[in-house]
PDB file of all heavy atoms in Angstrom:
ATOM      1  N   GLY A   1     117.291 -85.450  95.838  1.00  0.00           N
ATOM      2  CA  GLY A   1     118.335 -84.525  95.573  1.00  0.00           C
ATOM      3  C   GLY A   1     119.567 -85.039  94.683  1.00  0.00           C
ATOM      4  O   GLY A   1     120.401 -84.329  94.294  1.00  0.00           O
ATOM      5  N   ALA A   2     119.536 -86.383  94.392  1.00  0.00           N
ATOM      6  CA  ALA A   2     120.637 -86.928  93.695  1.00  0.00           C
ATOM      7  C   ALA A   2     120.416 -86.539  92.183  1.00  0.00           C
ATOM      8  O   ALA A   2     119.215 -86.416  91.648  1.00  0.00           O
ATOM      9  CB  ALA A   2     120.569 -88.547  93.679  1.00  0.00           C
ATOM     10  N   ILE A   3     121.580 -86.513  91.354  1.00  0.00           N
ATOM     11  CA  ILE A   3     121.600 -86.167  90.056  1.00  0.00           C
ATOM     12  C   ILE A   3     121.673 -87.357  89.212  1.00  0.00           C
ATOM     13  O   ILE A   3     122.645 -88.101  89.407  1.00  0.00           O
ATOM     14  CB  ILE A   3     122.629 -85.045  89.698  1.00  0.00           C
ATOM     15  CG1 ILE A   3     122.571 -83.871  90.473  1.00  0.00           C
ATOM     16  CG2 ILE A   3     122.659 -84.788  88.299  1.00  0.00           C
ATOM     17  CD1 ILE A   3     121.247 -83.010  90.128  1.00  0.00           C
ATOM     18  N   VAL A   4     120.912 -87.545  88.145  1.00  0.00           N
ATOM     19  CA  VAL A   4     120.940 -88.634  87.316  1.00  0.00           C
ATOM     20  C   VAL A   4     121.212 -88.173  85.920  1.00  0.00           C
ATOM     21  O   VAL A   4     120.456 -87.402  85.450  1.00  0.00           O
ATOM     22  CB  VAL A   4     119.670 -89.564  87.329  1.00  0.00           C
ATOM     23  CG1 VAL A   4     119.809 -90.757  86.407  1.00  0.00           C
ATOM     24  CG2 VAL A   4     119.388 -90.017  88.761  1.00  0.00           C
ATOM     25  N   ALA A   5     122.181 -88.769  85.224  1.00  0.00           N
ATOM     26  CA  ALA A   5     122.602 -88.349  83.859  1.00  0.00           C
ATOM     27  C   ALA A   5     121.917 -89.335  82.831  1.00  0.00           C
ATOM     28  O   ALA A   5     122.141 -90.618  83.037  1.00  0.00           O
ATOM     29  CB  ALA A   5     124.058 -88.300  83.664  1.00  0.00           C
ATOM     30  N   SER A   6     121.166 -88.871  82.030  1.00  0.00           N
ATOM     31  CA  SER A   6     120.547 -89.795  80.963  1.00  0.00           C
ATOM     32  C   SER A   6     120.949 -89.475  79.652  1.00  0.00           C
ATOM     33  O   SER A   6     120.813 -88.324  79.159  1.00  0.00           O
ATOM     34  CB  SER A   6     119.060 -89.742  81.140  1.00  0.00           C
ATOM     35  OG  SER A   6     118.450 -90.564  80.256  1.00  0.00           O
ATOM     36  N   SER A   7     121.695 -90.365  79.017  1.00  0.00           N
ATOM     37  CA  SER A   7     122.215 -90.127  77.678  1.00  0.00           C
ATOM     38  C   SER A   7     121.573 -91.121  76.605  1.00  0.00           C
ATOM     39  O   SER A   7     122.013 -92.238  76.723  1.00  0.00           O
ATOM     40  CB  SER A   7     123.800 -90.382  77.634  1.00  0.00           C
ATOM     41  OG  SER A   7     124.276 -90.199  76.373  1.00  0.00           O
ATOM     42  N   PHE A   8     120.720 -90.562  75.819  1.00  0.00           N
ATOM     43  CA  PHE A   8     120.037 -91.550  74.941  1.00  0.00           C
ATOM     44  C   PHE A   8     119.719 -90.847  73.558  1.00  0.00           C
ATOM     45  O   PHE A   8     118.910 -91.399  72.822  1.00  0.00           O
ATOM     46  CB  PHE A   8     118.814 -92.077  75.597  1.00  0.00           C
ATOM     47  CG  PHE A   8     117.673 -91.163  75.941  1.00  0.00           C
ATOM     48  CD1 PHE A   8     116.618 -90.968  75.114  1.00  0.00           C
ATOM     49  CD2 PHE A   8     117.874 -90.276  77.062  1.00  0.00           C
ATOM     50  CE1 PHE A   8     115.544 -90.056  75.527  1.00  0.00           C
ATOM     51  CE2 PHE A   8     116.858 -89.514  77.426  1.00  0.00           C
ATOM     52  CZ  PHE A   8     115.744 -89.332  76.650  1.00  0.00           C
ATOM     53  N   TYR A   9     120.322 -89.720  73.378  1.00  0.00           N
ATOM     54  CA  TYR A   9     120.155 -89.187  72.027  1.00  0.00           C
ATOM     55  C   TYR A   9     121.390 -88.477  71.490  1.00  0.00           C
ATOM     56  O   TYR A   9     121.452 -87.627  70.567  1.00  0.00           O
ATOM     57  CB  TYR A   9     118.951 -88.118  72.016  1.00  0.00           C
ATOM     58  CG  TYR A   9     119.305 -86.747  72.619  1.00  0.00           C
ATOM     59  CD1 TYR A   9     119.663 -85.733  71.766  1.00  0.00           C
ATOM     60  CD2 TYR A   9     119.186 -86.609  73.938  1.00  0.00           C
ATOM     61  CE1 TYR A   9     119.925 -84.392  72.407  1.00  0.00           C
ATOM     62  CE2 TYR A   9     119.519 -85.337  74.522  1.00  0.00           C
ATOM     63  CZ  TYR A   9     119.879 -84.289  73.727  1.00  0.00           C
ATOM     64  OH  TYR A   9     120.190 -83.051  74.300  1.00  0.00           O
ATOM     65  N   ASN A  10     122.595 -89.218  71.817  1.00  0.00           N
ATOM     66  CA  ASN A  10     123.865 -88.645  71.417  1.00  0.00           C
ATOM     67  C   ASN A  10     123.980 -88.619  69.868  1.00  0.00           C
ATOM     68  O   ASN A  10     124.684 -87.754  69.401  1.00  0.00           O
ATOM     69  CB  ASN A  10     124.928 -89.564  71.971  1.00  0.00           C
ATOM     70  CG  ASN A  10     124.776 -89.737  73.387  1.00  0.00           C
ATOM     71  OD1 ASN A  10     123.945 -90.472  73.918  1.00  0.00           O
ATOM     72  ND2 ASN A  10     125.788 -89.280  74.282  1.00  0.00           N
ATOM     73  N   LEU A  11     123.504 -89.610  69.293  1.00  0.00           N
ATOM     74  CA  LEU A  11     123.515 -89.677  67.738  1.00  0.00           C
ATOM     75  C   LEU A  11     123.009 -88.365  67.161  1.00  0.00           C
ATOM     76  O   LEU A  11     123.549 -88.003  66.047  1.00  0.00           O
ATOM     77  CB  LEU A  11     122.635 -90.859  67.246  1.00  0.00           C
ATOM     78  CG  LEU A  11     122.492 -90.998  65.711  1.00  0.00           C
ATOM     79  CD1 LEU A  11     123.755 -91.384  64.982  1.00  0.00           C
ATOM     80  CD2 LEU A  11     121.436 -92.154  65.364  1.00  0.00           C
ATOM     81  N   PHE A  12     122.068 -87.704  67.604  1.00  0.00           N
ATOM     82  CA  PHE A  12     121.457 -86.523  67.054  1.00  0.00           C
ATOM     83  C   PHE A  12     122.237 -85.254  67.241  1.00  0.00           C
ATOM     84  O   PHE A  12     121.849 -84.200  66.699  1.00  0.00           O
ATOM     85  CB  PHE A  12     120.053 -86.426  67.641  1.00  0.00           C
ATOM     86  CG  PHE A  12     119.122 -87.496  67.303  1.00  0.00           C
ATOM     87  CD1 PHE A  12     119.177 -88.737  68.138  1.00  0.00           C
ATOM     88  CD2 PHE A  12     118.535 -87.581  66.051  1.00  0.00           C
ATOM     89  CE1 PHE A  12     118.316 -89.703  67.924  1.00  0.00           C
ATOM     90  CE2 PHE A  12     117.643 -88.739  65.771  1.00  0.00           C
ATOM     91  CZ  PHE A  12     117.701 -89.740  66.662  1.00  0.00           C
ATOM     92  N   THR A  13     123.194 -85.178  68.191  1.00  0.00           N
ATOM     93  CA  THR A  13     124.053 -83.918  68.403  1.00  0.00           C
ATOM     94  C   THR A  13     124.815 -83.590  67.157  1.00  0.00           C
ATOM     95  O   THR A  13     124.762 -82.534  66.803  1.00  0.00           O
ATOM     96  CB  THR A  13     124.969 -84.222  69.603  1.00  0.00           C
ATOM     97  OG1 THR A  13     125.782 -85.289  69.491  1.00  0.00           O
ATOM     98  CG2 THR A  13     124.146 -84.419  70.947  1.00  0.00           C
ATOM     99  N   SER A  14     125.383 -84.535  66.452  1.00  0.00           N
ATOM    100  CA  SER A  14     126.163 -84.309  65.258  1.00  0.00           C
ATOM    101  C   SER A  14     125.148 -83.809  64.175  1.00  0.00           C
ATOM    102  O   SER A  14     125.522 -82.945  63.366  1.00  0.00           O
ATOM    103  CB  SER A  14     126.856 -85.568  64.771  1.00  0.00           C
ATOM    104  OG  SER A  14     127.835 -85.948  65.677  1.00  0.00           O
ATOM    105  N   PHE A  15     123.928 -84.398  64.046  1.00  0.00           N
ATOM    106  CA  PHE A  15     122.993 -84.054  63.078  1.00  0.00           C
ATOM    107  C   PHE A  15     122.586 -82.596  63.355  1.00  0.00           C
ATOM    108  O   PHE A  15     122.562 -81.842  62.343  1.00  0.00           O
ATOM    109  CB  PHE A  15     121.829 -84.893  63.304  1.00  0.00           C
ATOM    110  CG  PHE A  15     120.555 -84.559  62.321  1.00  0.00           C
ATOM    111  CD1 PHE A  15     120.655 -84.875  61.024  1.00  0.00           C
ATOM    112  CD2 PHE A  15     119.503 -83.888  62.963  1.00  0.00           C
ATOM    113  CE1 PHE A  15     119.513 -84.416  60.219  1.00  0.00           C
ATOM    114  CE2 PHE A  15     118.434 -83.504  62.167  1.00  0.00           C
ATOM    115  CZ  PHE A  15     118.431 -83.801  60.811  1.00  0.00           C
ATOM    116  N   HIS A  16     122.360 -82.144  64.596  1.00  0.00           N
ATOM    117  CA  HIS A  16     121.933 -80.777  64.831  1.00  0.00           C
ATOM    118  C   HIS A  16     123.155 -79.826  64.489  1.00  0.00           C
ATOM    119  O   HIS A  16     122.896 -78.719  64.104  1.00  0.00           O
ATOM    120  CB  HIS A  16     121.428 -80.710  66.262  1.00  0.00           C
ATOM    121  CG  HIS A  16     120.049 -81.150  66.411  1.00  0.00           C
ATOM    122  ND1 HIS A  16     118.953 -80.462  66.036  1.00  0.00           N
ATOM    123  CD2 HIS A  16     119.561 -82.261  67.042  1.00  0.00           C
ATOM    124  CE1 HIS A  16     117.858 -81.073  66.321  1.00  0.00           C
ATOM    125  NE2 HIS A  16     118.161 -82.187  66.943  1.00  0.00           N
ATOM    126  N   GLU A  17     124.203 -80.382  64.761  1.00  0.00           N
ATOM    127  CA  GLU A  17     125.397 -79.398  64.449  1.00  0.00           C
ATOM    128  C   GLU A  17     125.515 -79.293  62.984  1.00  0.00           C
ATOM    129  O   GLU A  17     125.784 -78.096  62.501  1.00  0.00           O
ATOM    130  CB  GLU A  17     126.725 -80.113  64.931  1.00  0.00           C
ATOM    131  CG  GLU A  17     127.933 -79.290  64.825  1.00  0.00           C
ATOM    132  CD  GLU A  17     129.210 -79.979  65.399  1.00  0.00           C
ATOM    133  OE1 GLU A  17     129.023 -80.977  66.033  1.00  0.00           O
ATOM    134  OE2 GLU A  17     130.370 -79.441  65.078  1.00  0.00           O
ATOM    135  N   HIS A  18     125.351 -80.259  62.212  1.00  0.00           N
ATOM    136  CA  HIS A  18     125.443 -80.021  60.704  1.00  0.00           C
ATOM    137  C   HIS A  18     124.294 -79.115  60.225  1.00  0.00           C
ATOM    138  O   HIS A  18     124.537 -78.196  59.431  1.00  0.00           O
ATOM    139  CB  HIS A  18     125.215 -81.397  59.941  1.00  0.00           C
ATOM    140  CG  HIS A  18     126.411 -82.248  60.158  1.00  0.00           C
ATOM    141  ND1 HIS A  18     127.656 -81.790  60.208  1.00  0.00           N
ATOM    142  CD2 HIS A  18     126.464 -83.553  60.360  1.00  0.00           C
ATOM    143  CE1 HIS A  18     128.553 -82.832  60.302  1.00  0.00           C
ATOM    144  NE2 HIS A  18     127.766 -84.037  60.429  1.00  0.00           N
ATOM    145  N   ILE A  19     123.125 -79.170  60.846  1.00  0.00           N
ATOM    146  CA  ILE A  19     121.875 -78.432  60.427  1.00  0.00           C
ATOM    147  C   ILE A  19     122.211 -76.942  60.858  1.00  0.00           C
ATOM    148  O   ILE A  19     122.016 -76.002  60.000  1.00  0.00           O
ATOM    149  CB  ILE A  19     120.587 -79.052  61.019  1.00  0.00           C
ATOM    150  CG1 ILE A  19     120.339 -80.273  60.498  1.00  0.00           C
ATOM    151  CG2 ILE A  19     119.475 -77.976  60.839  1.00  0.00           C
ATOM    152  CD1 ILE A  19     119.962 -80.414  58.998  1.00  0.00           C
ATOM    153  N   SER A  20     122.657 -76.644  62.012  1.00  0.00           N
ATOM    154  CA  SER A  20     122.850 -75.402  62.460  1.00  0.00           C
ATOM    155  C   SER A  20     123.964 -74.635  61.631  1.00  0.00           C
ATOM    156  O   SER A  20     124.023 -73.440  61.445  1.00  0.00           O
ATOM    157  CB  SER A  20     123.208 -75.336  63.977  1.00  0.00           C
ATOM    158  OG  SER A  20     124.493 -76.033  64.208  1.00  0.00           O
ATOM    159  N   ASN A  21     124.951 -75.456  61.128  1.00  0.00           N
ATOM    160  CA  ASN A  21     125.944 -74.882  60.294  1.00  0.00           C
ATOM    161  C   ASN A  21     125.597 -74.842  58.834  1.00  0.00           C
ATOM    162  O   ASN A  21     126.573 -74.718  58.032  1.00  0.00           O
ATOM    163  CB  ASN A  21     127.320 -75.688  60.513  1.00  0.00           C
ATOM    164  CG  ASN A  21     127.845 -75.498  61.885  1.00  0.00           C
ATOM    165  OD1 ASN A  21     127.724 -74.409  62.472  1.00  0.00           O
ATOM    166  ND2 ASN A  21     128.461 -76.511  62.479  1.00  0.00           N
ATOM    167  N   LYS A  22     124.417 -75.280  58.551  1.00  0.00           N
ATOM    168  CA  LYS A  22     123.836 -75.345  57.203  1.00  0.00           C
ATOM    169  C   LYS A  22     124.697 -76.246  56.212  1.00  0.00           C
ATOM    170  O   LYS A  22     124.864 -76.067  55.093  1.00  0.00           O
ATOM    171  CB  LYS A  22     123.820 -73.832  56.509  1.00  0.00           C
ATOM    172  CG  LYS A  22     123.027 -72.799  57.300  1.00  0.00           C
ATOM    173  CD  LYS A  22     122.942 -71.481  56.589  1.00  0.00           C
ATOM    174  CE  LYS A  22     122.148 -70.538  57.483  1.00  0.00           C
ATOM    175  NZ  LYS A  22     120.955 -70.945  57.796  1.00  0.00           N
ATOM    176  N   LYS A  23     124.999 -77.322  56.825  1.00  0.00           N
ATOM    177  CA  LYS A  23     125.701 -78.326  56.118  1.00  0.00           C
ATOM    178  C   LYS A  23     124.769 -79.618  55.781  1.00  0.00           C
ATOM    179  O   LYS A  23     124.760 -80.594  56.506  1.00  0.00           O
ATOM    180  CB  LYS A  23     126.922 -78.993  56.816  1.00  0.00           C
ATOM    181  CG  LYS A  23     128.009 -77.916  57.082  1.00  0.00           C
ATOM    182  CD  LYS A  23     129.252 -78.359  57.775  1.00  0.00           C
ATOM    183  CE  LYS A  23     130.267 -77.398  58.065  1.00  0.00           C
ATOM    184  NZ  LYS A  23     131.430 -77.941  58.719  1.00  0.00           N
ATOM    185  N   LEU A  24     123.782 -79.352  54.842  1.00  0.00           N
ATOM    186  CA  LEU A  24     122.719 -80.333  54.515  1.00  0.00           C
ATOM    187  C   LEU A  24     123.316 -81.586  53.968  1.00  0.00           C
ATOM    188  O   LEU A  24     122.870 -82.633  54.407  1.00  0.00           O
ATOM    189  CB  LEU A  24     121.815 -79.619  53.532  1.00  0.00           C
ATOM    190  CG  LEU A  24     120.506 -80.407  53.350  1.00  0.00           C
ATOM    191  CD1 LEU A  24     119.708 -80.513  54.576  1.00  0.00           C
ATOM    192  CD2 LEU A  24     119.691 -79.807  52.199  1.00  0.00           C
ATOM    193  N   LYS A  25     124.321 -81.545  53.241  1.00  0.00           N
ATOM    194  CA  LYS A  25     124.838 -82.763  52.575  1.00  0.00           C
ATOM    195  C   LYS A  25     125.447 -83.640  53.809  1.00  0.00           C
ATOM    196  O   LYS A  25     125.371 -84.860  53.699  1.00  0.00           O
ATOM    197  CB  LYS A  25     126.010 -82.394  51.648  1.00  0.00           C
ATOM    198  CG  LYS A  25     125.535 -81.766  50.350  1.00  0.00           C
ATOM    199  CD  LYS A  25     126.604 -81.537  49.308  1.00  0.00           C
ATOM    200  CE  LYS A  25     126.234 -80.880  47.916  1.00  0.00           C
ATOM    201  NZ  LYS A  25     127.243 -80.570  47.071  1.00  0.00           N
ATOM    202  N   GLU A  26     126.212 -83.007  54.683  1.00  0.00           N
ATOM    203  CA  GLU A  26     126.751 -83.815  55.756  1.00  0.00           C
ATOM    204  C   GLU A  26     125.668 -84.404  56.633  1.00  0.00           C
ATOM    205  O   GLU A  26     125.719 -85.621  57.052  1.00  0.00           O
ATOM    206  CB  GLU A  26     127.574 -82.985  56.604  1.00  0.00           C
ATOM    207  CG  GLU A  26     128.985 -82.594  55.976  1.00  0.00           C
ATOM    208  CD  GLU A  26     128.888 -81.513  54.901  1.00  0.00           C
ATOM    209  OE1 GLU A  26     127.794 -80.968  54.781  1.00  0.00           O
ATOM    210  OE2 GLU A  26     129.916 -81.043  54.442  1.00  0.00           O
ATOM    211  N   ALA A  27     124.563 -83.619  56.847  1.00  0.00           N
ATOM    212  CA  ALA A  27     123.429 -84.111  57.594  1.00  0.00           C
ATOM    213  C   ALA A  27     122.735 -85.373  56.818  1.00  0.00           C
ATOM    214  O   ALA A  27     122.442 -86.367  57.508  1.00  0.00           O
ATOM    215  CB  ALA A  27     122.437 -83.060  57.866  1.00  0.00           C
ATOM    216  N   LEU A  28     122.628 -85.217  55.652  1.00  0.00           N
ATOM    217  CA  LEU A  28     122.052 -86.337  54.774  1.00  0.00           C
ATOM    218  C   LEU A  28     122.986 -87.562  54.775  1.00  0.00           C
ATOM    219  O   LEU A  28     122.431 -88.644  55.044  1.00  0.00           O
ATOM    220  CB  LEU A  28     121.868 -85.957  53.375  1.00  0.00           C
ATOM    221  CG  LEU A  28     120.587 -85.211  53.028  1.00  0.00           C
ATOM    222  CD1 LEU A  28     120.698 -84.542  51.562  1.00  0.00           C
ATOM    223  CD2 LEU A  28     119.364 -86.045  53.106  1.00  0.00           C
ATOM    224  N   SER A  29     124.229 -87.443  54.750  1.00  0.00           N
ATOM    225  CA  SER A  29     125.173 -88.557  54.820  1.00  0.00           C
ATOM    226  C   SER A  29     125.082 -89.180  56.060  1.00  0.00           C
ATOM    227  O   SER A  29     125.126 -90.396  56.168  1.00  0.00           O
ATOM    228  CB  SER A  29     126.667 -88.000  54.571  1.00  0.00           C
ATOM    229  OG  SER A  29     126.770 -87.440  53.384  1.00  0.00           O
ATOM    230  N   LEU A  30     124.884 -88.495  57.281  1.00  0.00           N
ATOM    231  CA  LEU A  30     124.729 -89.056  58.611  1.00  0.00           C
ATOM    232  C   LEU A  30     123.560 -89.970  58.612  1.00  0.00           C
ATOM    233  O   LEU A  30     123.564 -90.960  59.172  1.00  0.00           O
ATOM    234  CB  LEU A  30     124.751 -87.967  59.601  1.00  0.00           C
ATOM    235  CG  LEU A  30     124.548 -88.401  61.066  1.00  0.00           C
ATOM    236  CD1 LEU A  30     125.587 -89.387  61.498  1.00  0.00           C
ATOM    237  CD2 LEU A  30     124.428 -87.253  62.066  1.00  0.00           C
ATOM    238  N   CYS A  31     122.403 -89.468  58.081  1.00  0.00           N
ATOM    239  CA  CYS A  31     121.172 -90.081  57.953  1.00  0.00           C
ATOM    240  C   CYS A  31     121.364 -91.446  57.157  1.00  0.00           C
ATOM    241  O   CYS A  31     120.783 -92.541  57.667  1.00  0.00           O
ATOM    242  CB  CYS A  31     120.095 -89.358  57.377  1.00  0.00           C
ATOM    243  SG  CYS A  31     119.497 -87.871  58.147  1.00  0.00           S
ATOM    244  N   ARG A  32     122.020 -91.400  56.090  1.00  0.00           N
ATOM    245  CA  ARG A  32     122.207 -92.606  55.253  1.00  0.00           C
ATOM    246  C   ARG A  32     123.040 -93.573  55.997  1.00  0.00           C
ATOM    247  O   ARG A  32     122.751 -94.829  55.889  1.00  0.00           O
ATOM    248  CB  ARG A  32     122.927 -92.271  54.023  1.00  0.00           C
ATOM    249  CG  ARG A  32     122.021 -91.386  52.985  1.00  0.00           C
ATOM    250  CD  ARG A  32     122.930 -90.716  51.981  1.00  0.00           C
ATOM    251  NE  ARG A  32     122.149 -89.840  51.138  1.00  0.00           N
ATOM    252  CZ  ARG A  32     122.711 -88.778  50.451  1.00  0.00           C
ATOM    253  NH1 ARG A  32     123.947 -88.540  50.571  1.00  0.00           N
ATOM    254  NH2 ARG A  32     121.878 -87.931  49.812  1.00  0.00           N
ATOM    255  N   VAL A  33     124.080 -93.223  56.729  1.00  0.00           N
ATOM    256  CA  VAL A  33     124.811 -94.131  57.495  1.00  0.00           C
ATOM    257  C   VAL A  33     124.075 -94.764  58.680  1.00  0.00           C
ATOM    258  O   VAL A  33     124.129 -96.017  58.949  1.00  0.00           O
ATOM    259  CB  VAL A  33     126.135 -93.492  57.978  1.00  0.00           C
ATOM    260  CG1 VAL A  33     126.959 -94.363  58.959  1.00  0.00           C
ATOM    261  CG2 VAL A  33     126.993 -93.094  56.866  1.00  0.00           C
ATOM    262  N   ALA A  34     123.362 -93.891  59.478  1.00  0.00           N
ATOM    263  CA  ALA A  34     122.681 -94.259  60.728  1.00  0.00           C
ATOM    264  C   ALA A  34     121.435 -95.077  60.384  1.00  0.00           C
ATOM    265  O   ALA A  34     121.127 -96.078  61.094  1.00  0.00           O
ATOM    266  CB  ALA A  34     122.271 -93.179  61.560  1.00  0.00           C
ATOM    267  N   GLN A  35     120.713 -94.809  59.243  1.00  0.00           N
ATOM    268  CA  GLN A  35     119.513 -95.420  58.962  1.00  0.00           C
ATOM    269  C   GLN A  35     118.565 -95.542  60.124  1.00  0.00           C
ATOM    270  O   GLN A  35     118.008 -96.619  60.464  1.00  0.00           O
ATOM    271  CB  GLN A  35     119.795 -96.909  58.264  1.00  0.00           C
ATOM    272  CG  GLN A  35     120.383 -96.810  56.897  1.00  0.00           C
ATOM    273  CD  GLN A  35     119.405 -96.091  55.931  1.00  0.00           C
ATOM    274  OE1 GLN A  35     118.222 -96.396  55.906  1.00  0.00           O
ATOM    275  NE2 GLN A  35     120.007 -95.232  55.130  1.00  0.00           N
ATOM    276  N   ASN A  36     118.371 -94.350  60.785  1.00  0.00           N
ATOM    277  CA  ASN A  36     117.447 -94.299  61.900  1.00  0.00           C
ATOM    278  C   ASN A  36     116.220 -93.641  61.616  1.00  0.00           C
ATOM    279  O   ASN A  36     116.179 -92.496  60.984  1.00  0.00           O
ATOM    280  CB  ASN A  36     118.280 -93.562  63.149  1.00  0.00           C
ATOM    281  CG  ASN A  36     117.427 -93.491  64.318  1.00  0.00           C
ATOM    282  OD1 ASN A  36     116.576 -92.734  64.426  1.00  0.00           O
ATOM    283  ND2 ASN A  36     117.763 -94.175  65.331  1.00  0.00           N
ATOM    284  N   GLU A  37     114.996 -94.158  61.895  1.00  0.00           N
ATOM    285  CA  GLU A  37     113.793 -93.642  61.487  1.00  0.00           C
ATOM    286  C   GLU A  37     113.492 -92.308  61.921  1.00  0.00           C
ATOM    287  O   GLU A  37     113.115 -91.372  61.358  1.00  0.00           O
ATOM    288  CB  GLU A  37     112.722 -94.588  61.841  1.00  0.00           C
ATOM    289  CG  GLU A  37     111.344 -93.938  61.460  1.00  0.00           C
ATOM    290  CD  GLU A  37     110.082 -94.930  61.795  1.00  0.00           C
ATOM    291  OE1 GLU A  37     110.277 -95.754  62.744  1.00  0.00           O
ATOM    292  OE2 GLU A  37     109.078 -94.883  61.154  1.00  0.00           O
ATOM    293  N   ILE A  38     113.848 -92.024  63.330  1.00  0.00           N
ATOM    294  CA  ILE A  38     113.669 -90.739  63.974  1.00  0.00           C
ATOM    295  C   ILE A  38     114.546 -89.709  63.331  1.00  0.00           C
ATOM    296  O   ILE A  38     114.164 -88.469  63.062  1.00  0.00           O
ATOM    297  CB  ILE A  38     113.989 -90.827  65.444  1.00  0.00           C
ATOM    298  CG1 ILE A  38     112.948 -91.774  66.195  1.00  0.00           C
ATOM    299  CG2 ILE A  38     113.878 -89.504  66.124  1.00  0.00           C
ATOM    300  CD1 ILE A  38     113.247 -92.015  67.563  1.00  0.00           C
ATOM    301  N   LEU A  39     115.738 -90.066  62.969  1.00  0.00           N
ATOM    302  CA  LEU A  39     116.746 -89.086  62.375  1.00  0.00           C
ATOM    303  C   LEU A  39     116.231 -88.713  60.944  1.00  0.00           C
ATOM    304  O   LEU A  39     116.170 -87.551  60.544  1.00  0.00           O
ATOM    305  CB  LEU A  39     118.095 -89.710  62.326  1.00  0.00           C
ATOM    306  CG  LEU A  39     119.258 -88.847  61.933  1.00  0.00           C
ATOM    307  CD1 LEU A  39     119.463 -87.815  63.050  1.00  0.00           C
ATOM    308  CD2 LEU A  39     120.510 -89.608  61.767  1.00  0.00           C
ATOM    309  N   TRP A  40     115.767 -89.726  60.193  1.00  0.00           N
ATOM    310  CA  TRP A  40     115.252 -89.428  58.918  1.00  0.00           C
ATOM    311  C   TRP A  40     114.039 -88.466  58.939  1.00  0.00           C
ATOM    312  O   TRP A  40     113.740 -87.632  58.105  1.00  0.00           O
ATOM    313  CB  TRP A  40     114.849 -90.765  58.168  1.00  0.00           C
ATOM    314  CG  TRP A  40     115.873 -91.357  57.409  1.00  0.00           C
ATOM    315  CD1 TRP A  40     116.605 -92.629  57.639  1.00  0.00           C
ATOM    316  CD2 TRP A  40     116.642 -90.756  56.351  1.00  0.00           C
ATOM    317  NE1 TRP A  40     117.595 -92.901  56.706  1.00  0.00           N
ATOM    318  CE2 TRP A  40     117.609 -91.761  55.934  1.00  0.00           C
ATOM    319  CE3 TRP A  40     116.609 -89.580  55.606  1.00  0.00           C
ATOM    320  CZ2 TRP A  40     118.452 -91.498  54.851  1.00  0.00           C
ATOM    321  CZ3 TRP A  40     117.469 -89.390  54.549  1.00  0.00           C
ATOM    322  CH2 TRP A  40     118.376 -90.325  54.111  1.00  0.00           C
ATOM    323  N   THR A  41     113.130 -88.734  59.930  1.00  0.00           N
ATOM    324  CA  THR A  41     111.885 -87.950  60.163  1.00  0.00           C
ATOM    325  C   THR A  41     112.289 -86.486  60.471  1.00  0.00           C
ATOM    326  O   THR A  41     111.703 -85.557  59.882  1.00  0.00           O
ATOM    327  CB  THR A  41     110.951 -88.544  61.192  1.00  0.00           C
ATOM    328  OG1 THR A  41     110.776 -89.838  60.983  1.00  0.00           O
ATOM    329  CG2 THR A  41     109.711 -87.729  61.289  1.00  0.00           C
ATOM    330  N   CYS A  42     113.222 -86.316  61.293  1.00  0.00           N
ATOM    331  CA  CYS A  42     113.727 -84.971  61.535  1.00  0.00           C
ATOM    332  C   CYS A  42     114.320 -84.248  60.300  1.00  0.00           C
ATOM    333  O   CYS A  42     113.994 -83.097  60.038  1.00  0.00           O
ATOM    334  CB  CYS A  42     114.847 -84.963  62.631  1.00  0.00           C
ATOM    335  SG  CYS A  42     114.362 -85.423  64.220  1.00  0.00           S
ATOM    336  N   MET A  43     114.998 -85.045  59.450  1.00  0.00           N
ATOM    337  CA  MET A  43     115.555 -84.591  58.250  1.00  0.00           C
ATOM    338  C   MET A  43     114.324 -84.076  57.341  1.00  0.00           C
ATOM    339  O   MET A  43     114.433 -83.152  56.582  1.00  0.00           O
ATOM    340  CB  MET A  43     116.379 -85.662  57.601  1.00  0.00           C
ATOM    341  CG  MET A  43     117.075 -85.213  56.321  1.00  0.00           C
ATOM    342  SD  MET A  43     118.475 -84.243  56.589  1.00  0.00           S
ATOM    343  CE  MET A  43     117.813 -82.572  56.088  1.00  0.00           C
ATOM    344  N   ALA A  44     113.231 -84.918  57.258  1.00  0.00           N
ATOM    345  CA  ALA A  44     112.177 -84.658  56.444  1.00  0.00           C
ATOM    346  C   ALA A  44     111.519 -83.379  56.749  1.00  0.00           C
ATOM    347  O   ALA A  44     111.256 -82.553  55.984  1.00  0.00           O
ATOM    348  CB  ALA A  44     111.177 -85.770  56.483  1.00  0.00           C
TER     349      ALA A  44
END
């Protein structure tokens, strides 16, 4: 019955916000700064 909070993909919330708002340049900038393989794969 206990509730456990697991936070391990916070980096991607900003990315999805940019994508949903059709701000592709901002999403690309985030990928360049983060240099995260999973983030780049989502971008691809």
